[in-house]
Amino acid sequence: MMHVRPLAVATLLLCSAALAGPRAPEQRISLDVKGADLHDLIRLFSQVGRVNFIVDDDVAGKVTLSLRNVRWQDALEAVLGSRGLGMEKKGSIVRVAHLRRLSDEAAERVRLQKLKRDAAPLVTHVIPVNYARASDLAPQVKATLSERGTVSVDERTNSLIVRDAEP
C-alpha cells in the first residue's frame, strides 16, 4: 500500500472535486491517509462539504483511514466516532467537540430551560368550546400543560379556563 502525505491527498481530492463542478449534498469521496492530523481532516471535510466548522481546543490527535467512495458526511462521522467526538449543528455552523462535553452542555441547556419555564409568570386563557362539552375536553387539555398548569371548566359558559406559563 502506498502512503501519501495527508496534505497531498487533500489537495488532489479538492482539485478533482473542483473539476467535477458544483458539489451535491451526496458527494462521495475516497481518502487514504496515514497519521493525518484531525484538524486537517476536519478542514478537508469543511471544504468538500462547504460547511463551516468550529473545533474545540481539546480536540486533537492523528487518524489513519482508507475509505473508498463514501459520502463525505459518513466519513466525517466515522472519523469523529473513532476519536470519541461528536458534532452539533447550530444554523450554518457545525461544532466538533468531545461527546461528553456535548452531552453535558445539552443537559445544562435542558436544565436552564426548565428553570426559565418555572420562573415564567402564569397566564390565564378562557377558551370557549363549541360542539362539545368543556368538561369532556378538560382531561386532554390537562395532559398538554406543564407541571404548573391548571385547567378548570366553567359549565355556565361551556369554557375552559387554562392557566399556565407561555410556551
N, C-alpha and C. Protein backbone atom coordinates (compact mmCIF):
# COMPACT_ATOMS: atom_id res chain seq x y z
N MET A 1 0.84 -1.17 0.00
CA MET A 1 0.00 0.00 0.00
C MET A 1 0.89 1.24 0.00
N MET A 2 0.56 2.16 -0.85
CA MET A 2 1.34 3.38 -0.97
C MET A 2 0.83 4.42 0.04
N HIS A 3 1.74 5.01 0.79
CA HIS A 3 1.34 6.03 1.76
C HIS A 3 1.61 7.40 1.17
N VAL A 4 0.61 8.23 1.23
CA VAL A 4 0.70 9.57 0.68
C VAL A 4 0.52 10.56 1.82
N ARG A 5 1.24 11.65 1.74
CA ARG A 5 1.09 12.67 2.78
C ARG A 5 -0.34 13.20 2.77
N PRO A 6 -0.93 13.41 3.95
CA PRO A 6 -2.32 13.87 4.02
C PRO A 6 -2.60 15.14 3.23
N LEU A 7 -1.64 16.08 3.23
CA LEU A 7 -1.86 17.32 2.51
C LEU A 7 -1.96 17.06 1.01
N ALA A 8 -1.16 16.13 0.50
CA ALA A 8 -1.21 15.81 -0.93
C ALA A 8 -2.55 15.18 -1.29
N VAL A 9 -3.04 14.30 -0.43
CA VAL A 9 -4.34 13.67 -0.67
C VAL A 9 -5.43 14.73 -0.67
N ALA A 10 -5.38 15.61 0.30
CA ALA A 10 -6.39 16.66 0.39
C ALA A 10 -6.36 17.54 -0.84
N THR A 11 -5.17 17.90 -1.30
CA THR A 11 -5.05 18.75 -2.49
C THR A 11 -5.60 18.04 -3.71
N LEU A 12 -5.24 16.76 -3.89
CA LEU A 12 -5.74 16.00 -5.03
C LEU A 12 -7.26 15.86 -4.97
N LEU A 13 -7.77 15.58 -3.80
CA LEU A 13 -9.22 15.41 -3.63
C LEU A 13 -9.95 16.70 -3.96
N LEU A 14 -9.45 17.82 -3.45
CA LEU A 14 -10.11 19.09 -3.70
C LEU A 14 -10.03 19.48 -5.17
N CYS A 15 -8.90 19.23 -5.80
CA CYS A 15 -8.77 19.55 -7.23
C CYS A 15 -9.74 18.73 -8.05
N SER A 16 -9.84 17.44 -7.78
CA SER A 16 -10.76 16.61 -8.55
C SER A 16 -12.21 17.00 -8.27
N ALA A 17 -12.52 17.41 -7.04
CA ALA A 17 -13.87 17.84 -6.73
C ALA A 17 -14.19 19.15 -7.44
N ALA A 18 -13.22 20.04 -7.54
CA ALA A 18 -13.45 21.32 -8.22
C ALA A 18 -13.70 21.11 -9.70
N LEU A 19 -13.00 20.15 -10.31
CA LEU A 19 -13.19 19.86 -11.73
C LEU A 19 -14.54 19.23 -12.00
N ALA A 20 -15.10 18.56 -11.01
CA ALA A 20 -16.37 17.87 -11.19
C ALA A 20 -17.56 18.83 -11.19
N GLY A 21 -17.35 20.09 -10.83
CA GLY A 21 -18.43 21.06 -10.86
C GLY A 21 -19.03 21.26 -9.49
N PRO A 22 -20.26 21.78 -9.43
CA PRO A 22 -20.89 22.07 -8.14
C PRO A 22 -21.03 20.80 -7.29
N ARG A 23 -20.89 20.98 -6.00
CA ARG A 23 -20.95 19.83 -5.09
C ARG A 23 -22.39 19.49 -4.75
N ALA A 24 -22.70 18.24 -4.85
CA ALA A 24 -24.03 17.75 -4.48
C ALA A 24 -23.99 17.38 -3.00
N PRO A 25 -25.12 17.41 -2.32
CA PRO A 25 -25.14 17.04 -0.91
C PRO A 25 -24.68 15.60 -0.67
N GLU A 26 -24.84 14.75 -1.66
CA GLU A 26 -24.46 13.34 -1.51
C GLU A 26 -23.08 13.06 -2.12
N GLN A 27 -22.23 14.06 -2.18
CA GLN A 27 -20.92 13.88 -2.80
C GLN A 27 -20.15 12.76 -2.12
N ARG A 28 -19.53 11.93 -2.94
CA ARG A 28 -18.75 10.81 -2.42
C ARG A 28 -17.26 11.13 -2.55
N ILE A 29 -16.49 10.63 -1.59
CA ILE A 29 -15.05 10.86 -1.60
C ILE A 29 -14.32 9.56 -1.34
N SER A 30 -13.05 9.58 -1.65
CA SER A 30 -12.14 8.48 -1.32
C SER A 30 -10.94 9.10 -0.62
N LEU A 31 -10.55 8.52 0.50
CA LEU A 31 -9.42 9.01 1.28
C LEU A 31 -8.54 7.85 1.69
N ASP A 32 -7.25 8.06 1.62
CA ASP A 32 -6.29 7.06 2.08
C ASP A 32 -5.16 7.84 2.73
N VAL A 33 -5.20 7.96 4.06
CA VAL A 33 -4.20 8.73 4.77
C VAL A 33 -3.66 7.93 5.95
N LYS A 34 -2.43 8.25 6.32
CA LYS A 34 -1.81 7.61 7.48
C LYS A 34 -1.28 8.71 8.38
N GLY A 35 -1.75 8.71 9.61
CA GLY A 35 -1.28 9.68 10.59
C GLY A 35 -1.68 11.11 10.27
N ALA A 36 -2.85 11.30 9.69
CA ALA A 36 -3.30 12.65 9.35
C ALA A 36 -3.78 13.37 10.61
N ASP A 37 -3.44 14.64 10.71
CA ASP A 37 -3.90 15.44 11.83
C ASP A 37 -5.41 15.60 11.75
N LEU A 38 -6.07 15.44 12.88
CA LEU A 38 -7.52 15.51 12.95
C LEU A 38 -8.05 16.87 12.47
N HIS A 39 -7.37 17.94 12.84
CA HIS A 39 -7.79 19.27 12.42
C HIS A 39 -7.71 19.42 10.90
N ASP A 40 -6.66 18.84 10.29
CA ASP A 40 -6.53 18.92 8.84
C ASP A 40 -7.66 18.17 8.14
N LEU A 41 -8.03 17.01 8.68
CA LEU A 41 -9.13 16.25 8.08
C LEU A 41 -10.46 16.99 8.20
N ILE A 42 -10.68 17.61 9.33
CA ILE A 42 -11.93 18.37 9.51
C ILE A 42 -11.95 19.56 8.55
N ARG A 43 -10.82 20.19 8.35
CA ARG A 43 -10.75 21.28 7.37
C ARG A 43 -11.04 20.76 5.97
N LEU A 44 -10.57 19.57 5.67
CA LEU A 44 -10.85 18.95 4.38
C LEU A 44 -12.35 18.73 4.21
N PHE A 45 -12.98 18.17 5.24
CA PHE A 45 -14.43 17.95 5.17
C PHE A 45 -15.17 19.28 5.04
N SER A 46 -14.66 20.31 5.69
CA SER A 46 -15.27 21.63 5.60
C SER A 46 -15.26 22.14 4.16
N GLN A 47 -14.15 21.93 3.48
CA GLN A 47 -14.03 22.41 2.10
C GLN A 47 -14.83 21.55 1.13
N VAL A 48 -14.81 20.26 1.33
CA VAL A 48 -15.54 19.36 0.44
C VAL A 48 -17.05 19.58 0.57
N GLY A 49 -17.53 19.69 1.80
CA GLY A 49 -18.96 19.82 2.03
C GLY A 49 -19.45 21.25 2.08
N ARG A 50 -18.51 22.20 1.96
CA ARG A 50 -18.85 23.62 2.07
C ARG A 50 -19.65 23.90 3.34
N VAL A 51 -19.09 23.44 4.45
CA VAL A 51 -19.72 23.58 5.76
C VAL A 51 -18.75 24.32 6.66
N ASN A 52 -19.28 25.19 7.51
CA ASN A 52 -18.47 25.92 8.48
C ASN A 52 -18.29 25.08 9.73
N PHE A 53 -17.04 24.89 10.16
CA PHE A 53 -16.75 24.09 11.34
C PHE A 53 -16.05 24.94 12.39
N ILE A 54 -16.37 24.66 13.65
CA ILE A 54 -15.61 25.16 14.79
C ILE A 54 -15.19 23.92 15.56
N VAL A 55 -13.90 23.83 15.84
CA VAL A 55 -13.36 22.66 16.54
C VAL A 55 -12.85 23.12 17.89
N ASP A 56 -13.33 22.47 18.98
CA ASP A 56 -12.88 22.81 20.32
C ASP A 56 -11.37 22.62 20.45
N ASP A 57 -10.78 23.39 21.35
CA ASP A 57 -9.33 23.35 21.54
C ASP A 57 -8.82 21.99 22.01
N ASP A 58 -9.61 21.27 22.78
CA ASP A 58 -9.14 19.99 23.32
C ASP A 58 -9.28 18.83 22.33
N VAL A 59 -9.73 19.11 21.11
CA VAL A 59 -9.82 18.07 20.08
C VAL A 59 -8.46 18.00 19.38
N ALA A 60 -7.85 16.83 19.47
CA ALA A 60 -6.52 16.66 18.87
C ALA A 60 -6.29 15.19 18.58
N GLY A 61 -5.29 14.91 17.77
CA GLY A 61 -4.91 13.54 17.50
C GLY A 61 -4.62 13.30 16.04
N LYS A 62 -4.21 12.09 15.76
CA LYS A 62 -3.89 11.66 14.41
C LYS A 62 -4.85 10.55 14.02
N VAL A 63 -5.15 10.47 12.74
CA VAL A 63 -6.09 9.48 12.24
C VAL A 63 -5.49 8.80 11.02
N THR A 64 -5.67 7.49 10.95
CA THR A 64 -5.30 6.73 9.77
C THR A 64 -6.57 6.10 9.23
N LEU A 65 -6.80 6.28 7.94
CA LEU A 65 -8.01 5.73 7.36
C LEU A 65 -7.84 5.45 5.89
N SER A 66 -8.64 4.52 5.42
CA SER A 66 -8.69 4.18 4.00
C SER A 66 -10.16 3.98 3.64
N LEU A 67 -10.72 4.96 2.95
CA LEU A 67 -12.13 4.93 2.60
C LEU A 67 -12.28 5.07 1.10
N ARG A 68 -13.18 4.31 0.53
CA ARG A 68 -13.41 4.34 -0.92
C ARG A 68 -14.87 4.64 -1.21
N ASN A 69 -15.10 5.67 -1.96
CA ASN A 69 -16.42 6.01 -2.49
C ASN A 69 -17.50 6.03 -1.40
N VAL A 70 -17.28 6.87 -0.39
CA VAL A 70 -18.25 7.02 0.69
C VAL A 70 -18.74 8.47 0.71
N ARG A 71 -19.94 8.68 1.25
CA ARG A 71 -20.43 10.05 1.41
C ARG A 71 -19.51 10.77 2.38
N TRP A 72 -19.21 12.03 2.08
CA TRP A 72 -18.28 12.75 2.95
C TRP A 72 -18.83 12.87 4.36
N GLN A 73 -20.17 12.95 4.51
CA GLN A 73 -20.78 13.03 5.84
C GLN A 73 -20.53 11.75 6.63
N ASP A 74 -20.62 10.59 5.93
CA ASP A 74 -20.36 9.31 6.60
C ASP A 74 -18.89 9.21 7.02
N ALA A 75 -18.00 9.70 6.17
CA ALA A 75 -16.57 9.69 6.50
C ALA A 75 -16.31 10.56 7.73
N LEU A 76 -16.92 11.72 7.77
CA LEU A 76 -16.75 12.62 8.91
C LEU A 76 -17.25 11.96 10.19
N GLU A 77 -18.44 11.38 10.15
CA GLU A 77 -19.00 10.71 11.33
C GLU A 77 -18.11 9.56 11.79
N ALA A 78 -17.54 8.82 10.85
CA ALA A 78 -16.66 7.71 11.21
C ALA A 78 -15.39 8.22 11.89
N VAL A 79 -14.82 9.27 11.36
CA VAL A 79 -13.61 9.85 11.95
C VAL A 79 -13.91 10.37 13.35
N LEU A 80 -14.99 11.10 13.50
CA LEU A 80 -15.34 11.65 14.82
C LEU A 80 -15.64 10.53 15.81
N GLY A 81 -16.40 9.52 15.37
CA GLY A 81 -16.74 8.40 16.24
C GLY A 81 -15.52 7.63 16.71
N SER A 82 -14.52 7.52 15.86
CA SER A 82 -13.31 6.77 16.22
C SER A 82 -12.50 7.48 17.30
N ARG A 83 -12.73 8.77 17.47
CA ARG A 83 -11.99 9.55 18.46
C ARG A 83 -12.86 9.99 19.64
N GLY A 84 -14.10 9.46 19.73
CA GLY A 84 -14.99 9.84 20.83
C GLY A 84 -15.50 11.26 20.73
N LEU A 85 -15.65 11.72 19.50
CA LEU A 85 -16.09 13.09 19.26
C LEU A 85 -17.50 13.09 18.68
N GLY A 86 -18.14 14.22 18.76
CA GLY A 86 -19.45 14.39 18.17
C GLY A 86 -19.56 15.77 17.56
N MET A 87 -20.68 16.03 16.93
CA MET A 87 -20.87 17.34 16.33
C MET A 87 -22.25 17.86 16.66
N GLU A 88 -22.35 19.17 16.66
CA GLU A 88 -23.59 19.84 16.99
C GLU A 88 -23.76 20.97 15.98
N LYS A 89 -24.91 20.97 15.30
CA LYS A 89 -25.15 21.99 14.28
C LYS A 89 -26.03 23.09 14.84
N LYS A 90 -25.63 24.31 14.61
CA LYS A 90 -26.42 25.47 15.00
C LYS A 90 -26.37 26.44 13.83
N GLY A 91 -27.51 26.54 13.15
CA GLY A 91 -27.55 27.38 11.96
C GLY A 91 -26.67 26.79 10.88
N SER A 92 -25.74 27.58 10.38
CA SER A 92 -24.87 27.09 9.31
C SER A 92 -23.49 26.69 9.84
N ILE A 93 -23.37 26.53 11.15
CA ILE A 93 -22.08 26.20 11.76
C ILE A 93 -22.18 24.85 12.46
N VAL A 94 -21.15 24.03 12.25
CA VAL A 94 -21.07 22.73 12.91
C VAL A 94 -19.91 22.79 13.90
N ARG A 95 -20.20 22.46 15.14
CA ARG A 95 -19.17 22.46 16.18
C ARG A 95 -18.77 21.03 16.48
N VAL A 96 -17.47 20.79 16.57
CA VAL A 96 -16.93 19.47 16.87
C VAL A 96 -16.31 19.53 18.27
N ALA A 97 -16.72 18.59 19.12
CA ALA A 97 -16.21 18.52 20.49
C ALA A 97 -16.32 17.08 20.98
N HIS A 98 -15.75 16.84 22.16
CA HIS A 98 -15.87 15.51 22.77
C HIS A 98 -17.33 15.25 23.12
N LEU A 99 -17.76 13.99 22.96
CA LEU A 99 -19.15 13.62 23.22
C LEU A 99 -19.60 13.97 24.63
N ARG A 100 -18.74 13.74 25.61
CA ARG A 100 -19.09 14.03 27.00
C ARG A 100 -19.38 15.53 27.17
N ARG A 101 -18.57 16.36 26.55
CA ARG A 101 -18.77 17.80 26.66
C ARG A 101 -20.09 18.22 26.00
N LEU A 102 -20.37 17.68 24.81
CA LEU A 102 -21.63 18.00 24.13
C LEU A 102 -22.82 17.53 24.95
N SER A 103 -22.70 16.35 25.55
CA SER A 103 -23.78 15.80 26.38
C SER A 103 -24.01 16.67 27.62
N ASP A 104 -22.93 17.07 28.27
CA ASP A 104 -23.05 17.92 29.45
C ASP A 104 -23.69 19.26 29.11
N GLU A 105 -23.31 19.83 27.98
CA GLU A 105 -23.88 21.11 27.57
C GLU A 105 -25.37 20.97 27.22
N ALA A 106 -25.74 19.88 26.59
CA ALA A 106 -27.15 19.65 26.26
C ALA A 106 -27.97 19.50 27.54
N ALA A 107 -27.45 18.78 28.52
CA ALA A 107 -28.15 18.61 29.80
C ALA A 107 -28.28 19.96 30.51
N GLU A 108 -27.26 20.78 30.43
CA GLU A 108 -27.32 22.10 31.05
C GLU A 108 -28.35 22.99 30.36
N ARG A 109 -28.45 22.91 29.04
CA ARG A 109 -29.47 23.68 28.31
C ARG A 109 -30.88 23.27 28.74
N VAL A 110 -31.09 21.96 28.90
CA VAL A 110 -32.40 21.47 29.34
C VAL A 110 -32.70 21.97 30.74
N ARG A 111 -31.72 21.94 31.61
CA ARG A 111 -31.90 22.41 32.99
C ARG A 111 -32.24 23.91 33.01
N LEU A 112 -31.54 24.70 32.19
CA LEU A 112 -31.81 26.13 32.13
C LEU A 112 -33.19 26.43 31.55
N GLN A 113 -33.61 25.66 30.56
CA GLN A 113 -34.96 25.84 30.00
C GLN A 113 -36.02 25.55 31.05
N LYS A 114 -35.79 24.51 31.85
CA LYS A 114 -36.75 24.18 32.90
C LYS A 114 -36.80 25.29 33.94
N LEU A 115 -35.65 25.82 34.33
CA LEU A 115 -35.63 26.92 35.29
C LEU A 115 -36.34 28.14 34.73
N LYS A 116 -36.12 28.41 33.46
CA LYS A 116 -36.76 29.55 32.82
C LYS A 116 -38.28 29.36 32.78
N ARG A 117 -38.71 28.16 32.42
CA ARG A 117 -40.13 27.85 32.36
C ARG A 117 -40.76 27.93 33.75
N ASP A 118 -40.04 27.46 34.77
CA ASP A 118 -40.56 27.51 36.14
C ASP A 118 -40.64 28.93 36.68
N ALA A 119 -39.79 29.81 36.18
CA ALA A 119 -39.79 31.19 36.65
C ALA A 119 -40.75 32.08 35.85
N ALA A 120 -41.25 31.58 34.74
CA ALA A 120 -42.14 32.38 33.89
C ALA A 120 -43.46 32.63 34.61
N PRO A 121 -44.02 33.82 34.42
CA PRO A 121 -45.32 34.10 35.06
C PRO A 121 -46.42 33.26 34.41
N LEU A 122 -47.43 32.94 35.21
CA LEU A 122 -48.56 32.18 34.70
C LEU A 122 -49.54 33.12 34.01
N VAL A 123 -50.10 32.63 32.90
CA VAL A 123 -51.06 33.40 32.11
C VAL A 123 -52.36 32.61 32.07
N THR A 124 -53.48 33.33 32.15
CA THR A 124 -54.79 32.69 32.13
C THR A 124 -55.47 32.94 30.79
N HIS A 125 -56.00 31.86 30.19
CA HIS A 125 -56.75 31.95 28.95
C HIS A 125 -58.12 31.32 29.15
N VAL A 126 -59.15 32.01 28.70
CA VAL A 126 -60.50 31.46 28.72
C VAL A 126 -60.81 31.03 27.30
N ILE A 127 -61.09 29.73 27.13
CA ILE A 127 -61.30 29.16 25.80
C ILE A 127 -62.75 28.68 25.69
N PRO A 128 -63.59 29.41 24.93
CA PRO A 128 -64.97 28.94 24.74
C PRO A 128 -64.98 27.69 23.87
N VAL A 129 -65.85 26.75 24.19
CA VAL A 129 -65.92 25.48 23.46
C VAL A 129 -67.27 25.39 22.76
N ASN A 130 -67.24 25.05 21.49
CA ASN A 130 -68.46 24.82 20.72
C ASN A 130 -68.48 23.37 20.26
N TYR A 131 -69.66 22.83 20.11
CA TYR A 131 -69.87 21.48 19.57
C TYR A 131 -69.28 20.36 20.44
N ALA A 132 -69.00 20.65 21.69
CA ALA A 132 -68.53 19.64 22.64
C ALA A 132 -68.73 20.20 24.04
N ARG A 133 -68.63 19.32 25.03
CA ARG A 133 -68.70 19.78 26.41
C ARG A 133 -67.28 20.05 26.90
N ALA A 134 -67.12 21.21 27.50
CA ALA A 134 -65.80 21.60 28.00
C ALA A 134 -65.28 20.57 29.01
N SER A 135 -66.16 20.02 29.80
CA SER A 135 -65.74 19.03 30.81
C SER A 135 -65.17 17.77 30.16
N ASP A 136 -65.62 17.44 28.96
CA ASP A 136 -65.07 16.27 28.25
C ASP A 136 -63.67 16.55 27.72
N LEU A 137 -63.38 17.80 27.42
CA LEU A 137 -62.08 18.16 26.85
C LEU A 137 -61.02 18.46 27.92
N ALA A 138 -61.43 18.76 29.13
CA ALA A 138 -60.50 19.15 30.18
C ALA A 138 -59.36 18.16 30.42
N PRO A 139 -59.62 16.83 30.49
CA PRO A 139 -58.50 15.90 30.71
C PRO A 139 -57.46 15.93 29.58
N GLN A 140 -57.92 16.10 28.36
CA GLN A 140 -56.99 16.14 27.24
C GLN A 140 -56.14 17.42 27.28
N VAL A 141 -56.75 18.52 27.66
CA VAL A 141 -56.01 19.78 27.78
C VAL A 141 -55.01 19.68 28.92
N LYS A 142 -55.42 19.10 30.03
CA LYS A 142 -54.55 18.96 31.21
C LYS A 142 -53.27 18.19 30.85
N ALA A 143 -53.39 17.19 29.97
CA ALA A 143 -52.24 16.38 29.59
C ALA A 143 -51.20 17.19 28.83
N THR A 144 -51.59 18.31 28.25
CA THR A 144 -50.64 19.12 27.46
C THR A 144 -49.99 20.23 28.26
N LEU A 145 -50.43 20.45 29.49
CA LEU A 145 -49.91 21.55 30.29
C LEU A 145 -48.63 21.18 31.02
N SER A 146 -47.91 22.20 31.44
CA SER A 146 -46.70 21.98 32.24
C SER A 146 -47.10 21.54 33.65
N GLU A 147 -46.11 21.28 34.48
CA GLU A 147 -46.36 20.85 35.85
C GLU A 147 -47.12 21.93 36.64
N ARG A 148 -46.91 23.17 36.29
CA ARG A 148 -47.54 24.28 36.99
C ARG A 148 -48.92 24.62 36.44
N GLY A 149 -49.26 24.08 35.29
CA GLY A 149 -50.50 24.44 34.63
C GLY A 149 -51.73 23.80 35.25
N THR A 150 -52.85 24.53 35.15
CA THR A 150 -54.13 24.01 35.64
C THR A 150 -55.20 24.27 34.59
N VAL A 151 -56.24 23.46 34.63
CA VAL A 151 -57.39 23.68 33.76
C VAL A 151 -58.64 23.48 34.60
N SER A 152 -59.58 24.38 34.40
CA SER A 152 -60.88 24.23 35.07
C SER A 152 -61.97 24.51 34.05
N VAL A 153 -63.19 24.13 34.41
CA VAL A 153 -64.31 24.23 33.49
C VAL A 153 -65.34 25.18 34.05
N ASP A 154 -65.81 26.10 33.21
CA ASP A 154 -66.95 26.96 33.56
C ASP A 154 -68.15 26.36 32.84
N GLU A 155 -68.97 25.62 33.58
CA GLU A 155 -70.11 24.93 32.99
C GLU A 155 -71.14 25.92 32.42
N ARG A 156 -71.28 27.05 33.08
CA ARG A 156 -72.28 28.03 32.66
C ARG A 156 -72.01 28.53 31.23
N THR A 157 -70.74 28.81 30.90
CA THR A 157 -70.39 29.33 29.56
C THR A 157 -69.79 28.26 28.66
N ASN A 158 -69.68 27.04 29.17
CA ASN A 158 -69.04 25.93 28.44
C ASN A 158 -67.65 26.35 27.95
N SER A 159 -66.84 26.83 28.90
CA SER A 159 -65.49 27.31 28.58
C SER A 159 -64.46 26.59 29.44
N LEU A 160 -63.26 26.52 28.89
CA LEU A 160 -62.11 26.01 29.64
C LEU A 160 -61.32 27.22 30.15
N ILE A 161 -60.91 27.16 31.38
CA ILE A 161 -60.06 28.20 31.95
C ILE A 161 -58.69 27.57 32.17
N VAL A 162 -57.76 27.97 31.33
CA VAL A 162 -56.42 27.36 31.34
C VAL A 162 -55.43 28.37 31.91
N ARG A 163 -54.66 27.92 32.88
CA ARG A 163 -53.63 28.78 33.49
C ARG A 163 -52.32 28.03 33.40
N ASP A 164 -51.36 28.66 32.71
CA ASP A 164 -50.05 28.03 32.51
C ASP A 164 -49.04 29.09 32.07
N ALA A 165 -47.79 28.72 32.09
CA ALA A 165 -46.74 29.60 31.58
C ALA A 165 -46.78 29.59 30.06
N GLU A 166 -46.42 30.70 29.45
CA GLU A 166 -46.36 30.75 27.98
C GLU A 166 -45.27 29.80 27.50
N PRO A 167 -45.52 29.13 26.39
CA PRO A 167 -44.50 28.18 25.89
C PRO A 167 -43.27 28.89 25.38
